[in-house]
Amino acid sequence: MAFEDLLVETVQVYARSRRTDRFGQAKDSNPSQITGSPVATYPCRVNLKSGGLEMEERNIDVFARIWQMFVKPDANVNENDVVRVLGSDGSTVLVTSAIVKDVETIYDGVGPHHKEILVWERTGPNPAR
């Protein structure tokens, strides 16, 4: 089986607006603030590395998930981009708005083979039922 055959999901890549507030901070620093259409889509594969409830000073009912994503070496995905991942059916959302923390190109004996991307997703608190 070829590497490309394993890439059964789709990643949508969103770029930040580059707008800043009066303090020079990004106006869309939170992935949930990203709007508009994706700037690119690529076939990918994601695996959940870890996740669960965060217990930190200001986090109440916030869940963090760390995903490992695999894409072809020519995919233009960069640190600090925001991504959304759809399942193999094209409609199920596997990863909501998440930030790219790290991108590493993996080489074989010929050259670049694929990229491994670390993605951080945070959700919650969920609405009451």
C-alpha atoms as a PDB file:
ATOM      1  CA  MET A   1       0.000   0.000   0.000  1.00  0.00           C
ATOM      2  CA  ALA A   2       1.364   3.404  -0.981  1.00  0.00           C
ATOM      3  CA  PHE A   3       1.645   6.255   1.531  1.00  0.00           C
ATOM      4  CA  GLU A   4      -0.920   8.298  -0.422  1.00  0.00           C
ATOM      5  CA  ASP A   5      -3.487   5.510   0.014  1.00  0.00           C
ATOM      6  CA  LEU A   6      -3.342   6.010   3.785  1.00  0.00           C
ATOM      7  CA  LEU A   7      -4.329   9.691   3.526  1.00  0.00           C
ATOM      8  CA  VAL A   8      -8.089   9.136   3.759  1.00  0.00           C
ATOM      9  CA  GLU A   9      -9.087  12.329   5.609  1.00  0.00           C
ATOM     10  CA  THR A  10      -9.008  15.956   4.434  1.00  0.00           C
ATOM     11  CA  VAL A  11      -7.354  18.893   6.175  1.00  0.00           C
ATOM     12  CA  GLN A  12      -8.646  22.396   5.538  1.00  0.00           C
ATOM     13  CA  VAL A  13      -6.023  25.091   6.176  1.00  0.00           C
ATOM     14  CA  TYR A  14      -7.048  28.580   7.296  1.00  0.00           C
ATOM     15  CA  ALA A  15      -4.746  31.598   7.381  1.00  0.00           C
ATOM     16  CA  ARG A  16      -4.860  34.276  10.032  1.00  0.00           C
ATOM     17  CA  SER A  17      -5.877  37.780   8.995  1.00  0.00           C
ATOM     18  CA  ARG A  18      -2.662  39.444  10.225  1.00  0.00           C
ATOM     19  CA  ARG A  19      -4.837  42.176  11.809  1.00  0.00           C
ATOM     20  CA  THR A  20      -3.622  43.393  15.188  1.00  0.00           C
ATOM     21  CA  ASP A  21      -5.148  45.288  18.075  1.00  0.00           C
ATOM     22  CA  ARG A  22      -3.775  48.492  19.598  1.00  0.00           C
ATOM     23  CA  PHE A  23      -1.208  46.449  21.547  1.00  0.00           C
ATOM     24  CA  GLY A  24       0.111  44.693  18.440  1.00  0.00           C
ATOM     25  CA  GLN A  25      -1.507  41.364  19.351  1.00  0.00           C
ATOM     26  CA  ALA A  26      -3.259  39.275  16.703  1.00  0.00           C
ATOM     27  CA  LYS A  27      -7.016  39.936  16.601  1.00  0.00           C
ATOM     28  CA  ASP A  28      -7.699  36.342  15.622  1.00  0.00           C
ATOM     29  CA  SER A  29      -5.257  34.629  17.975  1.00  0.00           C
ATOM     30  CA  ASN A  30      -7.835  32.043  19.022  1.00  0.00           C
ATOM     31  CA  PRO A  31      -8.535  29.396  16.361  1.00  0.00           C
ATOM     32  CA  SER A  32     -12.281  29.796  16.951  1.00  0.00           C
ATOM     33  CA  GLN A  33     -11.987  33.412  15.711  1.00  0.00           C
ATOM     34  CA  ILE A  34     -10.885  32.362  12.214  1.00  0.00           C
ATOM     35  CA  THR A  35     -13.550  33.022   9.604  1.00  0.00           C
ATOM     36  CA  GLY A  36     -13.835  32.665   5.862  1.00  0.00           C
ATOM     37  CA  SER A  37     -12.928  29.900   3.494  1.00  0.00           C
ATOM     38  CA  PRO A  38      -9.868  27.673   3.754  1.00  0.00           C
ATOM     39  CA  VAL A  39      -6.829  28.799   1.788  1.00  0.00           C
ATOM     40  CA  ALA A  40      -5.974  25.183   0.935  1.00  0.00           C
ATOM     41  CA  THR A  41      -7.130  21.591   1.384  1.00  0.00           C
ATOM     42  CA  TYR A  42      -4.987  18.452   1.351  1.00  0.00           C
ATOM     43  CA  PRO A  43      -5.430  14.727   1.872  1.00  0.00           C
ATOM     44  CA  CYS A  44      -4.209  13.750   5.333  1.00  0.00           C
ATOM     45  CA  ARG A  45      -4.362  11.209   8.129  1.00  0.00           C
ATOM     46  CA  VAL A  46      -4.821  12.124  11.802  1.00  0.00           C
ATOM     47  CA  ASN A  47      -4.256  10.119  14.952  1.00  0.00           C
ATOM     48  CA  LEU A  48      -5.124  11.251  18.465  1.00  0.00           C
ATOM     49  CA  LYS A  49      -1.934  11.261  20.550  1.00  0.00           C
ATOM     50  CA  SER A  50      -3.418  12.423  23.851  1.00  0.00           C
ATOM     51  CA  GLY A  51      -6.282  14.370  25.262  1.00  0.00           C
ATOM     52  CA  GLY A  52      -8.551  15.041  28.174  1.00  0.00           C
ATOM     53  CA  LEU A  53      -9.767  17.608  30.662  1.00  0.00           C
ATOM     54  CA  GLU A  54      -7.339  20.437  31.426  1.00  0.00           C
ATOM     55  CA  MET A  55      -7.037  21.463  35.044  1.00  0.00           C
ATOM     56  CA  GLU A  56      -5.308  24.820  34.967  1.00  0.00           C
ATOM     57  CA  GLU A  57      -5.854  28.128  36.697  1.00  0.00           C
ATOM     58  CA  ARG A  58      -8.354  29.697  34.293  1.00  0.00           C
ATOM     59  CA  ASN A  59      -9.619  26.667  32.405  1.00  0.00           C
ATOM     60  CA  ILE A  60     -13.027  25.411  33.439  1.00  0.00           C
ATOM     61  CA  ASP A  61     -14.383  22.411  31.535  1.00  0.00           C
ATOM     62  CA  VAL A  62     -11.824  22.845  28.764  1.00  0.00           C
ATOM     63  CA  PHE A  63     -10.678  19.744  26.920  1.00  0.00           C
ATOM     64  CA  ALA A  64      -7.363  19.606  25.053  1.00  0.00           C
ATOM     65  CA  ARG A  65      -6.511  17.094  22.362  1.00  0.00           C
ATOM     66  CA  ILE A  66      -3.154  16.700  20.686  1.00  0.00           C
ATOM     67  CA  TRP A  67      -3.320  15.184  17.210  1.00  0.00           C
ATOM     68  CA  GLN A  68      -0.572  13.926  14.934  1.00  0.00           C
ATOM     69  CA  MET A  69      -1.325  14.612  11.280  1.00  0.00           C
ATOM     70  CA  PHE A  70       0.414  13.194   8.220  1.00  0.00           C
ATOM     71  CA  VAL A  71       0.403  14.911   4.798  1.00  0.00           C
ATOM     72  CA  LYS A  72       2.391  14.747   1.573  1.00  0.00           C
ATOM     73  CA  PRO A  73       5.669  16.703   1.627  1.00  0.00           C
ATOM     74  CA  ASP A  74       4.361  19.413  -0.742  1.00  0.00           C
ATOM     75  CA  ALA A  75       1.411  20.371   1.511  1.00  0.00           C
ATOM     76  CA  ASN A  76       1.698  24.018   2.522  1.00  0.00           C
ATOM     77  CA  VAL A  77       0.834  23.817   6.229  1.00  0.00           C
ATOM     78  CA  ASN A  78       2.797  26.024   8.623  1.00  0.00           C
ATOM     79  CA  GLU A  79       3.188  26.562  12.342  1.00  0.00           C
ATOM     80  CA  ASN A  80       0.460  28.848  13.679  1.00  0.00           C
ATOM     81  CA  ASP A  81      -1.973  28.005  10.862  1.00  0.00           C
ATOM     82  CA  VAL A  82      -5.448  26.897  11.874  1.00  0.00           C
ATOM     83  CA  VAL A  83      -6.732  23.577  10.545  1.00  0.00           C
ATOM     84  CA  ARG A  84      -9.962  21.608  10.471  1.00  0.00           C
ATOM     85  CA  VAL A  85      -9.995  17.907   9.561  1.00  0.00           C
ATOM     86  CA  LEU A  86     -12.867  16.093   7.858  1.00  0.00           C
ATOM     87  CA  GLY A  87     -13.304  12.322   7.912  1.00  0.00           C
ATOM     88  CA  SER A  88     -13.132  10.032   4.922  1.00  0.00           C
ATOM     89  CA  ASP A  89     -16.821  10.652   4.192  1.00  0.00           C
ATOM     90  CA  GLY A  90     -16.058  14.349   3.606  1.00  0.00           C
ATOM     91  CA  SER A  91     -18.604  15.638   6.121  1.00  0.00           C
ATOM     92  CA  THR A  92     -17.767  14.275   9.584  1.00  0.00           C
ATOM     93  CA  VAL A  93     -15.588  16.754  11.493  1.00  0.00           C
ATOM     94  CA  LEU A  94     -12.758  14.915  13.238  1.00  0.00           C
ATOM     95  CA  VAL A  95     -10.815  17.992  14.378  1.00  0.00           C
ATOM     96  CA  THR A  96     -12.546  21.337  14.850  1.00  0.00           C
ATOM     97  CA  SER A  97     -10.594  24.612  14.650  1.00  0.00           C
ATOM     98  CA  ALA A  98      -7.137  23.702  15.934  1.00  0.00           C
ATOM     99  CA  ILE A  99      -3.732  25.331  15.827  1.00  0.00           C
ATOM    100  CA  VAL A 100      -0.650  23.864  14.169  1.00  0.00           C
ATOM    101  CA  LYS A 101       2.123  23.709  16.748  1.00  0.00           C
ATOM    102  CA  ASP A 102       4.902  21.977  14.832  1.00  0.00           C
ATOM    103  CA  VAL A 103       5.634  20.836  11.268  1.00  0.00           C
ATOM    104  CA  GLU A 104       8.443  18.382  10.537  1.00  0.00           C
ATOM    105  CA  THR A 105       9.470  17.079   7.118  1.00  0.00           C
ATOM    106  CA  ILE A 106      10.461  13.403   7.205  1.00  0.00           C
ATOM    107  CA  TYR A 107      13.031  12.222   4.653  1.00  0.00           C
ATOM    108  CA  ASP A 108      13.735   8.799   3.171  1.00  0.00           C
ATOM    109  CA  GLY A 109      16.748   7.753   1.077  1.00  0.00           C
ATOM    110  CA  VAL A 110      15.464   9.701  -1.951  1.00  0.00           C
ATOM    111  CA  GLY A 111      14.268  12.979  -0.407  1.00  0.00           C
ATOM    112  CA  PRO A 112      11.220  14.349   1.417  1.00  0.00           C
ATOM    113  CA  HIS A 113       8.734  11.520   2.103  1.00  0.00           C
ATOM    114  CA  HIS A 114       5.994  13.235   4.153  1.00  0.00           C
ATOM    115  CA  LYS A 115       5.294  15.857   6.806  1.00  0.00           C
ATOM    116  CA  GLU A 116       4.316  15.081  10.377  1.00  0.00           C
ATOM    117  CA  ILE A 117       2.310  17.865  11.974  1.00  0.00           C
ATOM    118  CA  LEU A 118       1.430  18.340  15.634  1.00  0.00           C
ATOM    119  CA  VAL A 119      -2.031  19.912  16.044  1.00  0.00           C
ATOM    120  CA  TRP A 120      -3.529  21.252  19.297  1.00  0.00           C
ATOM    121  CA  GLU A 121      -7.300  21.347  19.624  1.00  0.00           C
ATOM    122  CA  ARG A 122      -9.184  22.853  22.576  1.00  0.00           C
ATOM    123  CA  THR A 123     -12.933  22.556  23.120  1.00  0.00           C
ATOM    124  CA  GLY A 124     -15.465  23.329  25.830  1.00  0.00           C
ATOM    125  CA  PRO A 125     -17.175  24.124  27.926  1.00  0.00           C
ATOM    126  CA  ASN A 126     -20.080  22.390  26.255  1.00  0.00           C
ATOM    127  CA  PRO A 127     -23.522  24.005  26.403  1.00  0.00           C
ATOM    128  CA  ALA A 128     -25.942  22.761  29.042  1.00  0.00           C
ATOM    129  CA  ARG A 129     -28.567  20.226  27.952  1.00  0.00           C
END
